[in-house]
Amino acid sequence: VMADGLAEGAWLVDECRARLVERGQ
């Protein structure tokens, strides 16, 4: 989604980033 630079899917980028930081595996 980020590579394509499209607004569609921006929710996924934000949610994944936050969950990955929180989970920390």
PDBML (XML) file of the C-alpha atoms, coordinates in Angstrom:
<?xml version="1.0" encoding="UTF-8" ?>
<PDBx:datablock datablockName="MODEL"
   xmlns:PDBx="http://pdbml.pdb.org/schema/pdbx-v50.xsd"
   xmlns:xsi="http://www.w3.org/2001/XMLSchema-instance"
   xsi:schemaLocation="http://pdbml.pdb.org/schema/pdbx-v50.xsd pdbx-v50.xsd">
   <PDBx:atom_siteCategory>
      <PDBx:atom_site id="1">
         <PDBx:B_iso_or_equiv>0.00</PDBx:B_iso_or_equiv>
         <PDBx:Cartn_x>0.000</PDBx:Cartn_x>
         <PDBx:Cartn_y>0.000</PDBx:Cartn_y>
         <PDBx:Cartn_z>0.000</PDBx:Cartn_z>
         <PDBx:auth_asym_id>A</PDBx:auth_asym_id>
         <PDBx:auth_atom_id>CA</PDBx:auth_atom_id>
         <PDBx:auth_comp_id>VAL</PDBx:auth_comp_id>
         <PDBx:auth_seq_id>1</PDBx:auth_seq_id>
         <PDBx:group_PDB>ATOM</PDBx:group_PDB>
         <PDBx:label_alt_id xsi:nil="true" />
         <PDBx:label_asym_id>A</PDBx:label_asym_id>
         <PDBx:label_atom_id>CA</PDBx:label_atom_id>
         <PDBx:label_comp_id>VAL</PDBx:label_comp_id>
         <PDBx:label_entity_id>1</PDBx:label_entity_id>
         <PDBx:label_seq_id>1</PDBx:label_seq_id>
         <PDBx:occupancy>1.00</PDBx:occupancy>
         <PDBx:pdbx_PDB_model_num>1</PDBx:pdbx_PDB_model_num>
         <PDBx:type_symbol>C</PDBx:type_symbol>
      </PDBx:atom_site>
      <PDBx:atom_site id="2">
         <PDBx:B_iso_or_equiv>0.00</PDBx:B_iso_or_equiv>
         <PDBx:Cartn_x>2.810</PDBx:Cartn_x>
         <PDBx:Cartn_y>2.401</PDBx:Cartn_y>
         <PDBx:Cartn_z>0.918</PDBx:Cartn_z>
         <PDBx:auth_asym_id>A</PDBx:auth_asym_id>
         <PDBx:auth_atom_id>CA</PDBx:auth_atom_id>
         <PDBx:auth_comp_id>MET</PDBx:auth_comp_id>
         <PDBx:auth_seq_id>2</PDBx:auth_seq_id>
         <PDBx:group_PDB>ATOM</PDBx:group_PDB>
         <PDBx:label_alt_id xsi:nil="true" />
         <PDBx:label_asym_id>A</PDBx:label_asym_id>
         <PDBx:label_atom_id>CA</PDBx:label_atom_id>
         <PDBx:label_comp_id>MET</PDBx:label_comp_id>
         <PDBx:label_entity_id>1</PDBx:label_entity_id>
         <PDBx:label_seq_id>2</PDBx:label_seq_id>
         <PDBx:occupancy>1.00</PDBx:occupancy>
         <PDBx:pdbx_PDB_model_num>1</PDBx:pdbx_PDB_model_num>
         <PDBx:type_symbol>C</PDBx:type_symbol>
      </PDBx:atom_site>
      <PDBx:atom_site id="3">
         <PDBx:B_iso_or_equiv>0.00</PDBx:B_iso_or_equiv>
         <PDBx:Cartn_x>4.774</PDBx:Cartn_x>
         <PDBx:Cartn_y>1.577</PDBx:Cartn_y>
         <PDBx:Cartn_z>-2.234</PDBx:Cartn_z>
         <PDBx:auth_asym_id>A</PDBx:auth_asym_id>
         <PDBx:auth_atom_id>CA</PDBx:auth_atom_id>
         <PDBx:auth_comp_id>ALA</PDBx:auth_comp_id>
         <PDBx:auth_seq_id>3</PDBx:auth_seq_id>
         <PDBx:group_PDB>ATOM</PDBx:group_PDB>
         <PDBx:label_alt_id xsi:nil="true" />
         <PDBx:label_asym_id>A</PDBx:label_asym_id>
         <PDBx:label_atom_id>CA</PDBx:label_atom_id>
         <PDBx:label_comp_id>ALA</PDBx:label_comp_id>
         <PDBx:label_entity_id>1</PDBx:label_entity_id>
         <PDBx:label_seq_id>3</PDBx:label_seq_id>
         <PDBx:occupancy>1.00</PDBx:occupancy>
         <PDBx:pdbx_PDB_model_num>1</PDBx:pdbx_PDB_model_num>
         <PDBx:type_symbol>C</PDBx:type_symbol>
      </PDBx:atom_site>
      <PDBx:atom_site id="4">
         <PDBx:B_iso_or_equiv>0.00</PDBx:B_iso_or_equiv>
         <PDBx:Cartn_x>1.720</PDBx:Cartn_x>
         <PDBx:Cartn_y>2.340</PDBx:Cartn_y>
         <PDBx:Cartn_z>-4.368</PDBx:Cartn_z>
         <PDBx:auth_asym_id>A</PDBx:auth_asym_id>
         <PDBx:auth_atom_id>CA</PDBx:auth_atom_id>
         <PDBx:auth_comp_id>ASP</PDBx:auth_comp_id>
         <PDBx:auth_seq_id>4</PDBx:auth_seq_id>
         <PDBx:group_PDB>ATOM</PDBx:group_PDB>
         <PDBx:label_alt_id xsi:nil="true" />
         <PDBx:label_asym_id>A</PDBx:label_asym_id>
         <PDBx:label_atom_id>CA</PDBx:label_atom_id>
         <PDBx:label_comp_id>ASP</PDBx:label_comp_id>
         <PDBx:label_entity_id>1</PDBx:label_entity_id>
         <PDBx:label_seq_id>4</PDBx:label_seq_id>
         <PDBx:occupancy>1.00</PDBx:occupancy>
         <PDBx:pdbx_PDB_model_num>1</PDBx:pdbx_PDB_model_num>
         <PDBx:type_symbol>C</PDBx:type_symbol>
      </PDBx:atom_site>
      <PDBx:atom_site id="5">
         <PDBx:B_iso_or_equiv>0.00</PDBx:B_iso_or_equiv>
         <PDBx:Cartn_x>1.212</PDBx:Cartn_x>
         <PDBx:Cartn_y>5.640</PDBx:Cartn_y>
         <PDBx:Cartn_z>-2.543</PDBx:Cartn_z>
         <PDBx:auth_asym_id>A</PDBx:auth_asym_id>
         <PDBx:auth_atom_id>CA</PDBx:auth_atom_id>
         <PDBx:auth_comp_id>GLY</PDBx:auth_comp_id>
         <PDBx:auth_seq_id>5</PDBx:auth_seq_id>
         <PDBx:group_PDB>ATOM</PDBx:group_PDB>
         <PDBx:label_alt_id xsi:nil="true" />
         <PDBx:label_asym_id>A</PDBx:label_asym_id>
         <PDBx:label_atom_id>CA</PDBx:label_atom_id>
         <PDBx:label_comp_id>GLY</PDBx:label_comp_id>
         <PDBx:label_entity_id>1</PDBx:label_entity_id>
         <PDBx:label_seq_id>5</PDBx:label_seq_id>
         <PDBx:occupancy>1.00</PDBx:occupancy>
         <PDBx:pdbx_PDB_model_num>1</PDBx:pdbx_PDB_model_num>
         <PDBx:type_symbol>C</PDBx:type_symbol>
      </PDBx:atom_site>
      <PDBx:atom_site id="6">
         <PDBx:B_iso_or_equiv>0.00</PDBx:B_iso_or_equiv>
         <PDBx:Cartn_x>-2.561</PDBx:Cartn_x>
         <PDBx:Cartn_y>5.227</PDBx:Cartn_y>
         <PDBx:Cartn_z>-2.524</PDBx:Cartn_z>
         <PDBx:auth_asym_id>A</PDBx:auth_asym_id>
         <PDBx:auth_atom_id>CA</PDBx:auth_atom_id>
         <PDBx:auth_comp_id>LEU</PDBx:auth_comp_id>
         <PDBx:auth_seq_id>6</PDBx:auth_seq_id>
         <PDBx:group_PDB>ATOM</PDBx:group_PDB>
         <PDBx:label_alt_id xsi:nil="true" />
         <PDBx:label_asym_id>A</PDBx:label_asym_id>
         <PDBx:label_atom_id>CA</PDBx:label_atom_id>
         <PDBx:label_comp_id>LEU</PDBx:label_comp_id>
         <PDBx:label_entity_id>1</PDBx:label_entity_id>
         <PDBx:label_seq_id>6</PDBx:label_seq_id>
         <PDBx:occupancy>1.00</PDBx:occupancy>
         <PDBx:pdbx_PDB_model_num>1</PDBx:pdbx_PDB_model_num>
         <PDBx:type_symbol>C</PDBx:type_symbol>
      </PDBx:atom_site>
      <PDBx:atom_site id="7">
         <PDBx:B_iso_or_equiv>0.00</PDBx:B_iso_or_equiv>
         <PDBx:Cartn_x>-4.976</PDBx:Cartn_x>
         <PDBx:Cartn_y>6.421</PDBx:Cartn_y>
         <PDBx:Cartn_z>0.159</PDBx:Cartn_z>
         <PDBx:auth_asym_id>A</PDBx:auth_asym_id>
         <PDBx:auth_atom_id>CA</PDBx:auth_atom_id>
         <PDBx:auth_comp_id>ALA</PDBx:auth_comp_id>
         <PDBx:auth_seq_id>7</PDBx:auth_seq_id>
         <PDBx:group_PDB>ATOM</PDBx:group_PDB>
         <PDBx:label_alt_id xsi:nil="true" />
         <PDBx:label_asym_id>A</PDBx:label_asym_id>
         <PDBx:label_atom_id>CA</PDBx:label_atom_id>
         <PDBx:label_comp_id>ALA</PDBx:label_comp_id>
         <PDBx:label_entity_id>1</PDBx:label_entity_id>
         <PDBx:label_seq_id>7</PDBx:label_seq_id>
         <PDBx:occupancy>1.00</PDBx:occupancy>
         <PDBx:pdbx_PDB_model_num>1</PDBx:pdbx_PDB_model_num>
         <PDBx:type_symbol>C</PDBx:type_symbol>
      </PDBx:atom_site>
      <PDBx:atom_site id="8">
         <PDBx:B_iso_or_equiv>0.00</PDBx:B_iso_or_equiv>
         <PDBx:Cartn_x>-6.882</PDBx:Cartn_x>
         <PDBx:Cartn_y>3.141</PDBx:Cartn_y>
         <PDBx:Cartn_z>-0.071</PDBx:Cartn_z>
         <PDBx:auth_asym_id>A</PDBx:auth_asym_id>
         <PDBx:auth_atom_id>CA</PDBx:auth_atom_id>
         <PDBx:auth_comp_id>GLU</PDBx:auth_comp_id>
         <PDBx:auth_seq_id>8</PDBx:auth_seq_id>
         <PDBx:group_PDB>ATOM</PDBx:group_PDB>
         <PDBx:label_alt_id xsi:nil="true" />
         <PDBx:label_asym_id>A</PDBx:label_asym_id>
         <PDBx:label_atom_id>CA</PDBx:label_atom_id>
         <PDBx:label_comp_id>GLU</PDBx:label_comp_id>
         <PDBx:label_entity_id>1</PDBx:label_entity_id>
         <PDBx:label_seq_id>8</PDBx:label_seq_id>
         <PDBx:occupancy>1.00</PDBx:occupancy>
         <PDBx:pdbx_PDB_model_num>1</PDBx:pdbx_PDB_model_num>
         <PDBx:type_symbol>C</PDBx:type_symbol>
      </PDBx:atom_site>
      <PDBx:atom_site id="9">
         <PDBx:B_iso_or_equiv>0.00</PDBx:B_iso_or_equiv>
         <PDBx:Cartn_x>-5.401</PDBx:Cartn_x>
         <PDBx:Cartn_y>0.925</PDBx:Cartn_y>
         <PDBx:Cartn_z>2.584</PDBx:Cartn_z>
         <PDBx:auth_asym_id>A</PDBx:auth_asym_id>
         <PDBx:auth_atom_id>CA</PDBx:auth_atom_id>
         <PDBx:auth_comp_id>GLY</PDBx:auth_comp_id>
         <PDBx:auth_seq_id>9</PDBx:auth_seq_id>
         <PDBx:group_PDB>ATOM</PDBx:group_PDB>
         <PDBx:label_alt_id xsi:nil="true" />
         <PDBx:label_asym_id>A</PDBx:label_asym_id>
         <PDBx:label_atom_id>CA</PDBx:label_atom_id>
         <PDBx:label_comp_id>GLY</PDBx:label_comp_id>
         <PDBx:label_entity_id>1</PDBx:label_entity_id>
         <PDBx:label_seq_id>9</PDBx:label_seq_id>
         <PDBx:occupancy>1.00</PDBx:occupancy>
         <PDBx:pdbx_PDB_model_num>1</PDBx:pdbx_PDB_model_num>
         <PDBx:type_symbol>C</PDBx:type_symbol>
      </PDBx:atom_site>
      <PDBx:atom_site id="10">
         <PDBx:B_iso_or_equiv>0.00</PDBx:B_iso_or_equiv>
         <PDBx:Cartn_x>-3.840</PDBx:Cartn_x>
         <PDBx:Cartn_y>3.733</PDBx:Cartn_y>
         <PDBx:Cartn_z>4.655</PDBx:Cartn_z>
         <PDBx:auth_asym_id>A</PDBx:auth_asym_id>
         <PDBx:auth_atom_id>CA</PDBx:auth_atom_id>
         <PDBx:auth_comp_id>ALA</PDBx:auth_comp_id>
         <PDBx:auth_seq_id>10</PDBx:auth_seq_id>
         <PDBx:group_PDB>ATOM</PDBx:group_PDB>
         <PDBx:label_alt_id xsi:nil="true" />
         <PDBx:label_asym_id>A</PDBx:label_asym_id>
         <PDBx:label_atom_id>CA</PDBx:label_atom_id>
         <PDBx:label_comp_id>ALA</PDBx:label_comp_id>
         <PDBx:label_entity_id>1</PDBx:label_entity_id>
         <PDBx:label_seq_id>10</PDBx:label_seq_id>
         <PDBx:occupancy>1.00</PDBx:occupancy>
         <PDBx:pdbx_PDB_model_num>1</PDBx:pdbx_PDB_model_num>
         <PDBx:type_symbol>C</PDBx:type_symbol>
      </PDBx:atom_site>
      <PDBx:atom_site id="11">
         <PDBx:B_iso_or_equiv>0.00</PDBx:B_iso_or_equiv>
         <PDBx:Cartn_x>-5.838</PDBx:Cartn_x>
         <PDBx:Cartn_y>2.347</PDBx:Cartn_y>
         <PDBx:Cartn_z>7.585</PDBx:Cartn_z>
         <PDBx:auth_asym_id>A</PDBx:auth_asym_id>
         <PDBx:auth_atom_id>CA</PDBx:auth_atom_id>
         <PDBx:auth_comp_id>TRP</PDBx:auth_comp_id>
         <PDBx:auth_seq_id>11</PDBx:auth_seq_id>
         <PDBx:group_PDB>ATOM</PDBx:group_PDB>
         <PDBx:label_alt_id xsi:nil="true" />
         <PDBx:label_asym_id>A</PDBx:label_asym_id>
         <PDBx:label_atom_id>CA</PDBx:label_atom_id>
         <PDBx:label_comp_id>TRP</PDBx:label_comp_id>
         <PDBx:label_entity_id>1</PDBx:label_entity_id>
         <PDBx:label_seq_id>11</PDBx:label_seq_id>
         <PDBx:occupancy>1.00</PDBx:occupancy>
         <PDBx:pdbx_PDB_model_num>1</PDBx:pdbx_PDB_model_num>
         <PDBx:type_symbol>C</PDBx:type_symbol>
      </PDBx:atom_site>
      <PDBx:atom_site id="12">
         <PDBx:B_iso_or_equiv>0.00</PDBx:B_iso_or_equiv>
         <PDBx:Cartn_x>-3.870</PDBx:Cartn_x>
         <PDBx:Cartn_y>-0.883</PDBx:Cartn_y>
         <PDBx:Cartn_z>7.278</PDBx:Cartn_z>
         <PDBx:auth_asym_id>A</PDBx:auth_asym_id>
         <PDBx:auth_atom_id>CA</PDBx:auth_atom_id>
         <PDBx:auth_comp_id>LEU</PDBx:auth_comp_id>
         <PDBx:auth_seq_id>12</PDBx:auth_seq_id>
         <PDBx:group_PDB>ATOM</PDBx:group_PDB>
         <PDBx:label_alt_id xsi:nil="true" />
         <PDBx:label_asym_id>A</PDBx:label_asym_id>
         <PDBx:label_atom_id>CA</PDBx:label_atom_id>
         <PDBx:label_comp_id>LEU</PDBx:label_comp_id>
         <PDBx:label_entity_id>1</PDBx:label_entity_id>
         <PDBx:label_seq_id>12</PDBx:label_seq_id>
         <PDBx:occupancy>1.00</PDBx:occupancy>
         <PDBx:pdbx_PDB_model_num>1</PDBx:pdbx_PDB_model_num>
         <PDBx:type_symbol>C</PDBx:type_symbol>
      </PDBx:atom_site>
      <PDBx:atom_site id="13">
         <PDBx:B_iso_or_equiv>0.00</PDBx:B_iso_or_equiv>
         <PDBx:Cartn_x>-0.503</PDBx:Cartn_x>
         <PDBx:Cartn_y>0.891</PDBx:Cartn_y>
         <PDBx:Cartn_z>7.352</PDBx:Cartn_z>
         <PDBx:auth_asym_id>A</PDBx:auth_asym_id>
         <PDBx:auth_atom_id>CA</PDBx:auth_atom_id>
         <PDBx:auth_comp_id>VAL</PDBx:auth_comp_id>
         <PDBx:auth_seq_id>13</PDBx:auth_seq_id>
         <PDBx:group_PDB>ATOM</PDBx:group_PDB>
         <PDBx:label_alt_id xsi:nil="true" />
         <PDBx:label_asym_id>A</PDBx:label_asym_id>
         <PDBx:label_atom_id>CA</PDBx:label_atom_id>
         <PDBx:label_comp_id>VAL</PDBx:label_comp_id>
         <PDBx:label_entity_id>1</PDBx:label_entity_id>
         <PDBx:label_seq_id>13</PDBx:label_seq_id>
         <PDBx:occupancy>1.00</PDBx:occupancy>
         <PDBx:pdbx_PDB_model_num>1</PDBx:pdbx_PDB_model_num>
         <PDBx:type_symbol>C</PDBx:type_symbol>
      </PDBx:atom_site>
      <PDBx:atom_site id="14">
         <PDBx:B_iso_or_equiv>0.00</PDBx:B_iso_or_equiv>
         <PDBx:Cartn_x>-1.443</PDBx:Cartn_x>
         <PDBx:Cartn_y>2.814</PDBx:Cartn_y>
         <PDBx:Cartn_z>10.509</PDBx:Cartn_z>
         <PDBx:auth_asym_id>A</PDBx:auth_asym_id>
         <PDBx:auth_atom_id>CA</PDBx:auth_atom_id>
         <PDBx:auth_comp_id>ASP</PDBx:auth_comp_id>
         <PDBx:auth_seq_id>14</PDBx:auth_seq_id>
         <PDBx:group_PDB>ATOM</PDBx:group_PDB>
         <PDBx:label_alt_id xsi:nil="true" />
         <PDBx:label_asym_id>A</PDBx:label_asym_id>
         <PDBx:label_atom_id>CA</PDBx:label_atom_id>
         <PDBx:label_comp_id>ASP</PDBx:label_comp_id>
         <PDBx:label_entity_id>1</PDBx:label_entity_id>
         <PDBx:label_seq_id>14</PDBx:label_seq_id>
         <PDBx:occupancy>1.00</PDBx:occupancy>
         <PDBx:pdbx_PDB_model_num>1</PDBx:pdbx_PDB_model_num>
         <PDBx:type_symbol>C</PDBx:type_symbol>
      </PDBx:atom_site>
      <PDBx:atom_site id="15">
         <PDBx:B_iso_or_equiv>0.00</PDBx:B_iso_or_equiv>
         <PDBx:Cartn_x>-2.968</PDBx:Cartn_x>
         <PDBx:Cartn_y>-0.182</PDBx:Cartn_y>
         <PDBx:Cartn_z>12.278</PDBx:Cartn_z>
         <PDBx:auth_asym_id>A</PDBx:auth_asym_id>
         <PDBx:auth_atom_id>CA</PDBx:auth_atom_id>
         <PDBx:auth_comp_id>GLU</PDBx:auth_comp_id>
         <PDBx:auth_seq_id>15</PDBx:auth_seq_id>
         <PDBx:group_PDB>ATOM</PDBx:group_PDB>
         <PDBx:label_alt_id xsi:nil="true" />
         <PDBx:label_asym_id>A</PDBx:label_asym_id>
         <PDBx:label_atom_id>CA</PDBx:label_atom_id>
         <PDBx:label_comp_id>GLU</PDBx:label_comp_id>
         <PDBx:label_entity_id>1</PDBx:label_entity_id>
         <PDBx:label_seq_id>15</PDBx:label_seq_id>
         <PDBx:occupancy>1.00</PDBx:occupancy>
         <PDBx:pdbx_PDB_model_num>1</PDBx:pdbx_PDB_model_num>
         <PDBx:type_symbol>C</PDBx:type_symbol>
      </PDBx:atom_site>
      <PDBx:atom_site id="16">
         <PDBx:B_iso_or_equiv>0.00</PDBx:B_iso_or_equiv>
         <PDBx:Cartn_x>-0.125</PDBx:Cartn_x>
         <PDBx:Cartn_y>-2.570</PDBx:Cartn_y>
         <PDBx:Cartn_z>11.414</PDBx:Cartn_z>
         <PDBx:auth_asym_id>A</PDBx:auth_asym_id>
         <PDBx:auth_atom_id>CA</PDBx:auth_atom_id>
         <PDBx:auth_comp_id>CYS</PDBx:auth_comp_id>
         <PDBx:auth_seq_id>16</PDBx:auth_seq_id>
         <PDBx:group_PDB>ATOM</PDBx:group_PDB>
         <PDBx:label_alt_id xsi:nil="true" />
         <PDBx:label_asym_id>A</PDBx:label_asym_id>
         <PDBx:label_atom_id>CA</PDBx:label_atom_id>
         <PDBx:label_comp_id>CYS</PDBx:label_comp_id>
         <PDBx:label_entity_id>1</PDBx:label_entity_id>
         <PDBx:label_seq_id>16</PDBx:label_seq_id>
         <PDBx:occupancy>1.00</PDBx:occupancy>
         <PDBx:pdbx_PDB_model_num>1</PDBx:pdbx_PDB_model_num>
         <PDBx:type_symbol>C</PDBx:type_symbol>
      </PDBx:atom_site>
      <PDBx:atom_site id="17">
         <PDBx:B_iso_or_equiv>0.00</PDBx:B_iso_or_equiv>
         <PDBx:Cartn_x>2.533</PDBx:Cartn_x>
         <PDBx:Cartn_y>-0.084</PDBx:Cartn_y>
         <PDBx:Cartn_z>12.489</PDBx:Cartn_z>
         <PDBx:auth_asym_id>A</PDBx:auth_asym_id>
         <PDBx:auth_atom_id>CA</PDBx:auth_atom_id>
         <PDBx:auth_comp_id>ARG</PDBx:auth_comp_id>
         <PDBx:auth_seq_id>17</PDBx:auth_seq_id>
         <PDBx:group_PDB>ATOM</PDBx:group_PDB>
         <PDBx:label_alt_id xsi:nil="true" />
         <PDBx:label_asym_id>A</PDBx:label_asym_id>
         <PDBx:label_atom_id>CA</PDBx:label_atom_id>
         <PDBx:label_comp_id>ARG</PDBx:label_comp_id>
         <PDBx:label_entity_id>1</PDBx:label_entity_id>
         <PDBx:label_seq_id>17</PDBx:label_seq_id>
         <PDBx:occupancy>1.00</PDBx:occupancy>
         <PDBx:pdbx_PDB_model_num>1</PDBx:pdbx_PDB_model_num>
         <PDBx:type_symbol>C</PDBx:type_symbol>
      </PDBx:atom_site>
      <PDBx:atom_site id="18">
         <PDBx:B_iso_or_equiv>0.00</PDBx:B_iso_or_equiv>
         <PDBx:Cartn_x>0.832</PDBx:Cartn_x>
         <PDBx:Cartn_y>0.474</PDBx:Cartn_y>
         <PDBx:Cartn_z>15.874</PDBx:Cartn_z>
         <PDBx:auth_asym_id>A</PDBx:auth_asym_id>
         <PDBx:auth_atom_id>CA</PDBx:auth_atom_id>
         <PDBx:auth_comp_id>ALA</PDBx:auth_comp_id>
         <PDBx:auth_seq_id>18</PDBx:auth_seq_id>
         <PDBx:group_PDB>ATOM</PDBx:group_PDB>
         <PDBx:label_alt_id xsi:nil="true" />
         <PDBx:label_asym_id>A</PDBx:label_asym_id>
         <PDBx:label_atom_id>CA</PDBx:label_atom_id>
         <PDBx:label_comp_id>ALA</PDBx:label_comp_id>
         <PDBx:label_entity_id>1</PDBx:label_entity_id>
         <PDBx:label_seq_id>18</PDBx:label_seq_id>
         <PDBx:occupancy>1.00</PDBx:occupancy>
         <PDBx:pdbx_PDB_model_num>1</PDBx:pdbx_PDB_model_num>
         <PDBx:type_symbol>C</PDBx:type_symbol>
      </PDBx:atom_site>
      <PDBx:atom_site id="19">
         <PDBx:B_iso_or_equiv>0.00</PDBx:B_iso_or_equiv>
         <PDBx:Cartn_x>0.207</PDBx:Cartn_x>
         <PDBx:Cartn_y>-3.231</PDBx:Cartn_y>
         <PDBx:Cartn_z>16.524</PDBx:Cartn_z>
         <PDBx:auth_asym_id>A</PDBx:auth_asym_id>
         <PDBx:auth_atom_id>CA</PDBx:auth_atom_id>
         <PDBx:auth_comp_id>ARG</PDBx:auth_comp_id>
         <PDBx:auth_seq_id>19</PDBx:auth_seq_id>
         <PDBx:group_PDB>ATOM</PDBx:group_PDB>
         <PDBx:label_alt_id xsi:nil="true" />
         <PDBx:label_asym_id>A</PDBx:label_asym_id>
         <PDBx:label_atom_id>CA</PDBx:label_atom_id>
         <PDBx:label_comp_id>ARG</PDBx:label_comp_id>
         <PDBx:label_entity_id>1</PDBx:label_entity_id>
         <PDBx:label_seq_id>19</PDBx:label_seq_id>
         <PDBx:occupancy>1.00</PDBx:occupancy>
         <PDBx:pdbx_PDB_model_num>1</PDBx:pdbx_PDB_model_num>
         <PDBx:type_symbol>C</PDBx:type_symbol>
      </PDBx:atom_site>
      <PDBx:atom_site id="20">
         <PDBx:B_iso_or_equiv>0.00</PDBx:B_iso_or_equiv>
         <PDBx:Cartn_x>3.737</PDBx:Cartn_x>
         <PDBx:Cartn_y>-4.246</PDBx:Cartn_y>
         <PDBx:Cartn_z>15.540</PDBx:Cartn_z>
         <PDBx:auth_asym_id>A</PDBx:auth_asym_id>
         <PDBx:auth_atom_id>CA</PDBx:auth_atom_id>
         <PDBx:auth_comp_id>LEU</PDBx:auth_comp_id>
         <PDBx:auth_seq_id>20</PDBx:auth_seq_id>
         <PDBx:group_PDB>ATOM</PDBx:group_PDB>
         <PDBx:label_alt_id xsi:nil="true" />
         <PDBx:label_asym_id>A</PDBx:label_asym_id>
         <PDBx:label_atom_id>CA</PDBx:label_atom_id>
         <PDBx:label_comp_id>LEU</PDBx:label_comp_id>
         <PDBx:label_entity_id>1</PDBx:label_entity_id>
         <PDBx:label_seq_id>20</PDBx:label_seq_id>
         <PDBx:occupancy>1.00</PDBx:occupancy>
         <PDBx:pdbx_PDB_model_num>1</PDBx:pdbx_PDB_model_num>
         <PDBx:type_symbol>C</PDBx:type_symbol>
      </PDBx:atom_site>
      <PDBx:atom_site id="21">
         <PDBx:B_iso_or_equiv>0.00</PDBx:B_iso_or_equiv>
         <PDBx:Cartn_x>5.260</PDBx:Cartn_x>
         <PDBx:Cartn_y>-1.675</PDBx:Cartn_y>
         <PDBx:Cartn_z>17.884</PDBx:Cartn_z>
         <PDBx:auth_asym_id>A</PDBx:auth_asym_id>
         <PDBx:auth_atom_id>CA</PDBx:auth_atom_id>
         <PDBx:auth_comp_id>VAL</PDBx:auth_comp_id>
         <PDBx:auth_seq_id>21</PDBx:auth_seq_id>
         <PDBx:group_PDB>ATOM</PDBx:group_PDB>
         <PDBx:label_alt_id xsi:nil="true" />
         <PDBx:label_asym_id>A</PDBx:label_asym_id>
         <PDBx:label_atom_id>CA</PDBx:label_atom_id>
         <PDBx:label_comp_id>VAL</PDBx:label_comp_id>
         <PDBx:label_entity_id>1</PDBx:label_entity_id>
         <PDBx:label_seq_id>21</PDBx:label_seq_id>
         <PDBx:occupancy>1.00</PDBx:occupancy>
         <PDBx:pdbx_PDB_model_num>1</PDBx:pdbx_PDB_model_num>
         <PDBx:type_symbol>C</PDBx:type_symbol>
      </PDBx:atom_site>
      <PDBx:atom_site id="22">
         <PDBx:B_iso_or_equiv>0.00</PDBx:B_iso_or_equiv>
         <PDBx:Cartn_x>2.966</PDBx:Cartn_x>
         <PDBx:Cartn_y>-2.801</PDBx:Cartn_y>
         <PDBx:Cartn_z>20.697</PDBx:Cartn_z>
         <PDBx:auth_asym_id>A</PDBx:auth_asym_id>
         <PDBx:auth_atom_id>CA</PDBx:auth_atom_id>
         <PDBx:auth_comp_id>GLU</PDBx:auth_comp_id>
         <PDBx:auth_seq_id>22</PDBx:auth_seq_id>
         <PDBx:group_PDB>ATOM</PDBx:group_PDB>
         <PDBx:label_alt_id xsi:nil="true" />
         <PDBx:label_asym_id>A</PDBx:label_asym_id>
         <PDBx:label_atom_id>CA</PDBx:label_atom_id>
         <PDBx:label_comp_id>GLU</PDBx:label_comp_id>
         <PDBx:label_entity_id>1</PDBx:label_entity_id>
         <PDBx:label_seq_id>22</PDBx:label_seq_id>
         <PDBx:occupancy>1.00</PDBx:occupancy>
         <PDBx:pdbx_PDB_model_num>1</PDBx:pdbx_PDB_model_num>
         <PDBx:type_symbol>C</PDBx:type_symbol>
      </PDBx:atom_site>
      <PDBx:atom_site id="23">
         <PDBx:B_iso_or_equiv>0.00</PDBx:B_iso_or_equiv>
         <PDBx:Cartn_x>3.506</PDBx:Cartn_x>
         <PDBx:Cartn_y>-6.528</PDBx:Cartn_y>
         <PDBx:Cartn_z>20.141</PDBx:Cartn_z>
         <PDBx:auth_asym_id>A</PDBx:auth_asym_id>
         <PDBx:auth_atom_id>CA</PDBx:auth_atom_id>
         <PDBx:auth_comp_id>ARG</PDBx:auth_comp_id>
         <PDBx:auth_seq_id>23</PDBx:auth_seq_id>
         <PDBx:group_PDB>ATOM</PDBx:group_PDB>
         <PDBx:label_alt_id xsi:nil="true" />
         <PDBx:label_asym_id>A</PDBx:label_asym_id>
         <PDBx:label_atom_id>CA</PDBx:label_atom_id>
         <PDBx:label_comp_id>ARG</PDBx:label_comp_id>
         <PDBx:label_entity_id>1</PDBx:label_entity_id>
         <PDBx:label_seq_id>23</PDBx:label_seq_id>
         <PDBx:occupancy>1.00</PDBx:occupancy>
         <PDBx:pdbx_PDB_model_num>1</PDBx:pdbx_PDB_model_num>
         <PDBx:type_symbol>C</PDBx:type_symbol>
      </PDBx:atom_site>
      <PDBx:atom_site id="24">
         <PDBx:B_iso_or_equiv>0.00</PDBx:B_iso_or_equiv>
         <PDBx:Cartn_x>7.299</PDBx:Cartn_x>
         <PDBx:Cartn_y>-6.388</PDBx:Cartn_y>
         <PDBx:Cartn_z>19.815</PDBx:Cartn_z>
         <PDBx:auth_asym_id>A</PDBx:auth_asym_id>
         <PDBx:auth_atom_id>CA</PDBx:auth_atom_id>
         <PDBx:auth_comp_id>GLY</PDBx:auth_comp_id>
         <PDBx:auth_seq_id>24</PDBx:auth_seq_id>
         <PDBx:group_PDB>ATOM</PDBx:group_PDB>
         <PDBx:label_alt_id xsi:nil="true" />
         <PDBx:label_asym_id>A</PDBx:label_asym_id>
         <PDBx:label_atom_id>CA</PDBx:label_atom_id>
         <PDBx:label_comp_id>GLY</PDBx:label_comp_id>
         <PDBx:label_entity_id>1</PDBx:label_entity_id>
         <PDBx:label_seq_id>24</PDBx:label_seq_id>
         <PDBx:occupancy>1.00</PDBx:occupancy>
         <PDBx:pdbx_PDB_model_num>1</PDBx:pdbx_PDB_model_num>
         <PDBx:type_symbol>C</PDBx:type_symbol>
      </PDBx:atom_site>
      <PDBx:atom_site id="25">
         <PDBx:B_iso_or_equiv>0.00</PDBx:B_iso_or_equiv>
         <PDBx:Cartn_x>7.955</PDBx:Cartn_x>
         <PDBx:Cartn_y>-9.973</PDBx:Cartn_y>
         <PDBx:Cartn_z>18.681</PDBx:Cartn_z>
         <PDBx:auth_asym_id>A</PDBx:auth_asym_id>
         <PDBx:auth_atom_id>CA</PDBx:auth_atom_id>
         <PDBx:auth_comp_id>GLN</PDBx:auth_comp_id>
         <PDBx:auth_seq_id>25</PDBx:auth_seq_id>
         <PDBx:group_PDB>ATOM</PDBx:group_PDB>
         <PDBx:label_alt_id xsi:nil="true" />
         <PDBx:label_asym_id>A</PDBx:label_asym_id>
         <PDBx:label_atom_id>CA</PDBx:label_atom_id>
         <PDBx:label_comp_id>GLN</PDBx:label_comp_id>
         <PDBx:label_entity_id>1</PDBx:label_entity_id>
         <PDBx:label_seq_id>25</PDBx:label_seq_id>
         <PDBx:occupancy>1.00</PDBx:occupancy>
         <PDBx:pdbx_PDB_model_num>1</PDBx:pdbx_PDB_model_num>
         <PDBx:type_symbol>C</PDBx:type_symbol>
      </PDBx:atom_site>
   </PDBx:atom_siteCategory>
</PDBx:datablock>
